[in-house]
Protein backbone atom coordinates (compact mmCIF):
# COMPACT_ATOMS: atom_id res chain seq x y z
CA MET A 1 -44.23 -53.08 -29.96
CA GLY A 2 -46.29 -55.33 -32.20
CA ARG A 3 -44.77 -57.79 -34.64
CA SER A 4 -41.07 -57.74 -35.42
CA VAL A 5 -39.87 -56.06 -38.62
CA HIS A 6 -36.82 -57.13 -40.57
CA ALA A 7 -35.33 -57.11 -44.07
CA CYS A 8 -32.29 -58.21 -46.03
CA LEU A 9 -30.83 -55.16 -47.76
CA GLY A 10 -28.13 -56.11 -50.21
CA GLY A 11 -26.97 -58.89 -47.90
CA LEU A 12 -27.21 -56.70 -44.79
CA ALA A 13 -29.67 -57.87 -42.14
CA VAL A 14 -31.63 -54.92 -40.73
CA GLY A 15 -34.57 -54.58 -38.35
CA ASP A 16 -35.55 -55.48 -34.82
CA GLY A 17 -32.98 -57.41 -32.84
CA VAL A 18 -30.13 -56.18 -35.06
CA ASP A 19 -27.74 -53.32 -34.32
CA VAL A 20 -28.84 -50.03 -35.88
CA ALA A 21 -26.79 -49.62 -39.06
CA VAL A 22 -25.17 -46.44 -40.35
CA VAL A 23 -25.32 -45.83 -44.11
CA GLY A 24 -22.51 -43.66 -45.45
CA ALA A 25 -23.71 -41.11 -48.01
CA ILE A 26 -21.34 -39.96 -50.76
CA ASN A 27 -22.10 -37.85 -53.81
CA VAL A 28 -20.38 -37.62 -57.16
CA SER A 29 -22.73 -34.79 -58.08
CA PRO A 30 -21.06 -31.34 -57.84
CA GLU A 31 -24.51 -29.78 -57.47
CA SER A 32 -25.21 -31.53 -54.14
CA PHE A 33 -26.62 -29.27 -51.40
CA TYR A 34 -23.71 -30.16 -49.07
CA ALA A 35 -20.33 -29.65 -50.72
CA GLY A 36 -18.61 -31.68 -48.02
CA SER A 37 -20.31 -34.84 -49.30
CA VAL A 38 -19.00 -34.49 -52.85
CA ALA A 39 -16.14 -36.67 -54.09
CA ALA A 40 -14.67 -34.75 -57.01
CA SER A 41 -12.38 -37.53 -58.23
CA ALA A 42 -12.07 -41.30 -58.18
CA ASP A 43 -9.33 -41.09 -55.54
CA ALA A 44 -11.47 -38.84 -53.34
CA LEU A 45 -14.43 -41.20 -53.71
CA LEU A 46 -12.40 -44.22 -52.69
CA ARG A 47 -10.79 -42.40 -49.75
CA ALA A 48 -14.17 -41.26 -48.47
CA ALA A 49 -15.71 -44.72 -48.77
CA LEU A 50 -12.78 -46.46 -47.07
CA ALA A 51 -12.90 -43.95 -44.23
CA MET A 52 -16.62 -44.59 -43.82
CA ARG A 53 -16.06 -48.33 -43.70
CA GLN A 54 -13.35 -47.86 -41.09
CA ALA A 55 -15.71 -45.66 -39.06
CA GLY A 56 -18.42 -48.31 -39.00
CA ALA A 57 -20.61 -47.84 -42.07
CA ALA A 58 -22.54 -50.99 -42.96
CA LEU A 59 -23.51 -49.82 -46.43
CA ILE A 60 -22.33 -47.06 -48.80
CA ASP A 61 -24.96 -45.04 -50.68
CA VAL A 62 -23.70 -43.11 -53.69
CA GLY A 63 -25.65 -40.46 -55.55
CA ALA A 64 -24.85 -39.01 -58.97
CA MET A 65 -27.53 -36.32 -59.13
CA THR A 66 -28.90 -34.05 -56.44
CA THR A 67 -32.33 -35.12 -55.23
CA ALA A 68 -33.01 -32.10 -53.02
CA PRO A 69 -36.57 -30.83 -53.68
CA TYR A 70 -35.25 -27.29 -54.14
CA GLY A 71 -32.30 -28.33 -56.34
CA PRO A 72 -31.51 -27.76 -60.03
CA PRO A 73 -33.31 -29.57 -62.86
CA PRO A 74 -32.50 -33.28 -63.29
CA LEU A 75 -29.45 -34.32 -65.26
CA PRO A 76 -29.90 -36.12 -68.57
CA VAL A 77 -30.43 -39.74 -67.58
CA ALA A 78 -27.45 -40.92 -69.62
CA GLU A 79 -25.15 -38.63 -67.65
CA GLU A 80 -26.56 -39.81 -64.32
CA ALA A 81 -26.19 -43.44 -65.41
CA ASP A 82 -22.58 -42.90 -66.47
CA ARG A 83 -21.66 -41.18 -63.21
CA LEU A 84 -23.29 -43.93 -61.16
CA ALA A 85 -21.75 -46.77 -63.13
CA ARG A 86 -18.22 -45.41 -62.77
CA ALA A 87 -18.64 -44.69 -59.05
CA VAL A 88 -20.26 -48.02 -58.20
CA ASP A 89 -17.73 -50.00 -60.23
CA LEU A 90 -14.86 -48.43 -58.28
CA LEU A 91 -16.49 -48.93 -54.88
CA VAL A 92 -17.52 -52.53 -55.48
CA ALA A 93 -13.98 -53.40 -56.61
CA LYS A 94 -12.39 -51.96 -53.47
CA LEU A 95 -14.93 -52.42 -50.66
CA ASP A 96 -16.28 -55.44 -48.84
CA LEU A 97 -19.55 -53.61 -48.14
CA PRO A 98 -22.80 -53.54 -50.11
CA VAL A 99 -23.20 -50.45 -52.30
CA SER A 100 -26.47 -48.62 -52.86
CA ALA A 101 -27.26 -46.28 -55.75
CA ASP A 102 -29.40 -43.23 -55.06
CA THR A 103 -31.62 -42.90 -58.13
CA ALA A 104 -35.27 -42.91 -59.16
CA ARG A 105 -34.68 -43.71 -62.84
CA ALA A 106 -34.57 -47.21 -64.27
CA ALA A 107 -31.79 -46.57 -66.80
CA ALA A 108 -29.49 -45.17 -64.11
CA ALA A 109 -30.45 -47.98 -61.72
CA ARG A 110 -29.71 -50.57 -64.40
CA ALA A 111 -26.26 -49.10 -64.97
CA ALA A 112 -25.57 -49.14 -61.24
CA LEU A 113 -26.79 -52.72 -60.83
CA ASP A 114 -24.70 -53.82 -63.81
CA ALA A 115 -21.69 -52.24 -62.06
CA GLY A 116 -22.38 -54.21 -58.88
CA ALA A 117 -24.80 -52.16 -56.77
CA ARG A 118 -27.02 -54.35 -54.60
CA VAL A 119 -29.51 -51.74 -53.40
CA ILE A 120 -31.42 -48.89 -55.04
CA ASN A 121 -32.37 -45.89 -52.90
CA ASP A 122 -35.43 -44.35 -54.60
CA VAL A 123 -36.57 -40.94 -53.34
CA SER A 124 -39.61 -40.96 -55.63
CA GLY A 125 -41.54 -43.70 -53.87
CA LEU A 126 -41.52 -45.67 -57.17
CA ALA A 127 -43.39 -42.83 -58.85
CA GLY A 128 -40.43 -41.52 -60.85
CA ASP A 129 -40.18 -44.28 -63.44
CA PRO A 130 -42.66 -47.14 -64.01
CA GLU A 131 -39.82 -49.40 -65.20
CA LEU A 132 -37.88 -49.20 -61.94
CA ALA A 133 -39.91 -51.59 -59.76
CA PRO A 134 -39.98 -54.38 -62.39
CA LEU A 135 -36.23 -53.95 -62.85
CA LEU A 136 -35.62 -54.37 -59.12
CA ALA A 137 -37.83 -57.45 -59.06
CA ARG A 138 -35.97 -59.05 -61.97
CA ARG A 139 -32.54 -58.27 -60.54
CA GLY A 140 -33.29 -59.22 -56.92
CA ALA A 141 -32.05 -55.85 -55.66
CA GLY A 142 -32.79 -54.36 -52.27
CA LEU A 143 -34.91 -51.23 -52.16
CA ILE A 144 -34.92 -48.20 -49.88
CA LEU A 145 -38.36 -46.78 -50.63
CA MET A 146 -38.82 -43.16 -49.63
CA ALA A 147 -42.08 -41.34 -49.06
CA ALA A 148 -42.46 -38.80 -51.86
CA GLU A 149 -44.46 -35.60 -51.72
CA GLY A 150 -47.37 -35.33 -54.12
CA PRO A 151 -48.80 -38.13 -56.25
CA THR A 152 -46.97 -41.39 -55.58
CA ALA A 153 -47.36 -44.64 -57.46
CA GLY A 154 -50.95 -45.73 -56.87
CA ALA A 155 -51.94 -42.54 -54.99
CA ALA A 156 -53.28 -39.61 -56.98
CA ALA A 157 -54.80 -37.47 -54.22
CA PRO A 158 -52.87 -34.43 -52.96
CA ASP A 159 -51.51 -34.57 -49.43
CA GLY A 160 -53.45 -31.55 -48.22
CA ALA A 161 -53.49 -30.67 -44.53
CA GLY A 162 -53.36 -34.18 -43.10
CA ASP A 163 -51.39 -35.34 -40.10
CA PRO A 164 -47.74 -35.60 -41.23
CA VAL A 165 -47.24 -39.19 -40.06
CA GLU A 166 -50.50 -40.30 -41.66
CA VAL A 167 -49.56 -38.62 -44.95
CA VAL A 168 -46.13 -40.24 -44.93
CA ALA A 169 -47.66 -43.62 -44.08
CA ALA A 170 -50.10 -43.32 -46.98
CA ARG A 171 -47.30 -42.40 -49.39
CA LEU A 172 -45.20 -45.32 -48.24
CA ALA A 173 -48.15 -47.70 -48.47
CA ALA A 174 -48.72 -46.60 -52.07
CA GLY A 175 -45.09 -47.22 -52.94
CA LEU A 176 -45.24 -50.62 -51.25
CA ALA A 177 -48.29 -51.51 -53.32
CA ALA A 178 -46.38 -50.65 -56.50
CA ALA A 179 -43.42 -52.74 -55.35
CA ARG A 180 -45.68 -55.66 -54.50
CA ALA A 181 -47.44 -55.47 -57.87
CA ALA A 182 -44.08 -55.59 -59.64
CA GLY A 183 -42.92 -58.59 -57.63
CA VAL A 184 -40.29 -56.96 -55.40
CA PRO A 185 -39.92 -59.30 -52.39
CA ALA A 186 -41.23 -57.69 -49.20
CA ASP A 187 -38.19 -58.82 -47.22
CA ARG A 188 -35.90 -56.72 -49.43
CA ILE A 189 -37.63 -53.40 -48.74
CA VAL A 190 -36.73 -50.73 -46.19
CA LEU A 191 -38.82 -47.57 -45.80
CA ASP A 192 -37.66 -43.95 -45.54
CA PRO A 193 -40.09 -41.27 -44.25
CA GLY A 194 -38.64 -38.57 -46.52
CA ILE A 195 -37.29 -36.07 -44.01
CA GLY A 196 -36.63 -32.80 -45.82
CA PHE A 197 -38.68 -33.68 -48.89
CA PHE A 198 -42.17 -32.47 -47.92
CA ARG A 199 -42.24 -28.74 -48.71
CA ARG A 200 -45.75 -27.99 -49.99
CA GLN A 201 -47.85 -28.87 -46.96
CA ALA A 202 -50.14 -26.88 -44.68
CA VAL A 203 -47.69 -27.60 -41.83
CA ALA A 204 -44.42 -25.63 -42.04
CA TRP A 205 -41.68 -27.96 -43.21
CA PRO A 206 -39.41 -27.76 -40.11
CA GLU A 207 -42.38 -28.67 -37.91
CA TRP A 208 -43.41 -31.36 -40.41
CA ASP A 209 -40.04 -33.06 -40.16
CA CYS A 210 -40.06 -32.89 -36.35
CA ARG A 211 -43.53 -34.40 -36.18
CA VAL A 212 -42.57 -37.24 -38.52
CA LEU A 213 -39.44 -38.02 -36.51
CA ALA A 214 -41.45 -37.98 -33.29
CA GLY A 215 -43.98 -40.37 -34.84
CA LEU A 216 -41.66 -42.94 -36.42
CA GLY A 217 -43.05 -45.66 -34.18
CA ARG A 218 -46.43 -45.34 -35.88
CA LEU A 219 -44.85 -46.36 -39.19
CA ARG A 220 -44.06 -49.83 -37.79
CA ALA A 221 -47.55 -50.87 -38.84
CA LEU A 222 -46.30 -50.93 -42.45
CA GLY A 223 -44.18 -53.94 -41.52
CA HIS A 224 -40.73 -52.86 -42.74
CA PRO A 225 -37.55 -51.48 -41.15
CA LEU A 226 -37.02 -47.73 -41.26
CA CYS A 227 -34.09 -45.83 -42.76
CA VAL A 228 -33.86 -42.16 -41.73
CA GLY A 229 -31.72 -39.50 -43.34
CA VAL A 230 -31.42 -36.23 -41.41
CA SER A 231 -27.78 -35.36 -42.04
CA ARG A 232 -27.24 -31.59 -42.39
CA LYS A 233 -30.75 -31.04 -43.78
CA SER A 234 -32.59 -27.76 -44.00
CA PHE A 235 -34.96 -28.34 -41.08
CA ILE A 236 -31.91 -28.47 -38.81
CA GLY A 237 -30.74 -25.17 -40.20
CA ALA A 238 -34.18 -23.64 -39.70
CA LEU A 239 -34.43 -24.85 -36.10
CA ALA A 240 -30.87 -23.92 -35.17
CA GLY A 241 -30.63 -20.70 -37.17
CA GLU A 242 -27.75 -22.08 -39.22
CA PRO A 243 -27.98 -21.53 -43.01
CA ASP A 244 -24.67 -23.26 -43.79
CA PRO A 245 -24.97 -27.08 -44.09
CA ALA A 246 -21.29 -27.35 -43.19
CA ARG A 247 -22.13 -26.10 -39.67
CA ARG A 248 -25.07 -28.42 -38.96
CA LEU A 249 -23.27 -31.47 -37.57
CA PRO A 250 -24.40 -31.01 -33.94
CA GLY A 251 -28.03 -30.75 -34.99
CA SER A 252 -27.62 -33.72 -37.31
CA LEU A 253 -26.36 -35.88 -34.46
CA ALA A 254 -29.22 -34.78 -32.22
CA ALA A 255 -31.76 -35.63 -34.92
CA ALA A 256 -30.10 -38.99 -35.64
CA ALA A 257 -30.18 -39.90 -31.94
CA ALA A 258 -33.85 -38.89 -31.76
CA ALA A 259 -34.63 -41.08 -34.76
CA VAL A 260 -32.96 -44.08 -33.13
CA LEU A 261 -34.90 -43.48 -29.90
CA GLU A 262 -38.11 -43.48 -31.94
CA GLY A 263 -37.30 -46.78 -33.65
CA ALA A 264 -35.14 -46.18 -36.74
CA HIS A 265 -33.15 -49.20 -37.92
CA LEU A 266 -30.76 -47.44 -40.30
CA ILE A 267 -29.36 -43.90 -40.23
CA ARG A 268 -28.06 -42.41 -43.48
CA ALA A 269 -25.33 -39.86 -42.79
CA HIS A 270 -22.44 -37.91 -44.28
CA ASP A 271 -20.40 -38.05 -41.05
CA VAL A 272 -20.16 -41.74 -40.26
CA ALA A 273 -17.76 -41.75 -37.30
CA GLU A 274 -19.66 -39.09 -35.36
CA THR A 275 -23.04 -40.53 -36.27
CA ALA A 276 -22.05 -44.08 -35.32
CA GLN A 277 -21.11 -42.89 -31.84
CA ALA A 278 -24.40 -41.02 -31.41
CA VAL A 279 -26.32 -44.04 -32.69
CA ARG A 280 -24.65 -46.46 -30.26
CA VAL A 281 -25.48 -44.24 -27.27
CA ALA A 282 -29.07 -43.65 -28.38
CA GLU A 283 -29.50 -47.35 -29.08
CA ALA A 284 -28.33 -48.26 -25.57
CA ILE A 285 -30.84 -45.83 -24.09
CA ARG A 286 -33.60 -47.24 -26.31
CA ARG A 287 -32.84 -50.77 -25.16
CA ALA A 288 -33.00 -49.66 -21.54
CA ARG A 289 -36.69 -48.91 -21.94
CA ARG A 290 -38.96 -51.65 -20.68
CA ASP A 291 -40.86 -51.60 -23.95
CA GLY A 292 -37.77 -51.29 -26.14
CA PRO A 293 -36.77 -53.75 -28.87
CA PRO A 294 -34.62 -56.77 -28.03
CA ALA A 295 -30.88 -56.38 -27.75
CA GLY A 296 -29.12 -56.15 -31.08
CA GLY A 297 -26.23 -58.03 -32.59
CA ALA A 298 -24.71 -58.82 -35.93
CA GLY A 299 -28.02 -60.15 -37.17
CA PRO A 300 -28.88 -63.40 -38.97
CA PRO A 301 -27.30 -64.13 -42.36
CA CYS A 302 -29.34 -63.05 -45.36
């Protein structure tokens, strides 16, 4: 397996030797690709988050603007910041779980951190805003760093026709270099391979996502735990012939289980109860392998 990987994400210990964690994903963005993830009011947001906690979520990730690569143009940053601040403030006041804000923009991240967020989930690979990494370093926030298609911080070359896992690894390495240069502690970073976000490659995107999931173990060389988000994404629809995200739960659970078998440490999902059950079964099978990671537990304090 090589050396152990671990991190402290907003006070949550993640990595080898720790139970795989489920991250509950909620949106306060009406334009989200999956309407079932959208909380249209403060009451709906709180109900959804409490239900996720009850179902076993270890962290709640809230987004205020769709990040889908085929989505509408970005919101004005002030509107995203306001949405995030109100949502995070409510969740932090009512939950005993760390809250993550899904944003790539420093102004929105600052508003979320001021409201009590402890983690920033950046889908841009730190390429979206040069002020974000220094902000995270100053505030001591955890970072979920996603591989981003196209030029990423410190990497100007196009992806081209390379092996999907190698391309993702290079993108993540570039983001890590930017984080390191800004002073973000290495033990507060978790990596995300960007399932669903690579659309302009020589490999068709459903195959791309499958090949990345099958090769997650190769990303261990980067030295950080892996967070994987497959919930209801388009590659599942393409493989299963199901255009409606609302009908992709079975495929989402299959993909989440596959990710755990290949070494994922966190699974980001809209359906926490169902995903937690799939994760526990897949994790038990993974541990039964002779070369599997050590048995998990609550993890050390961090």
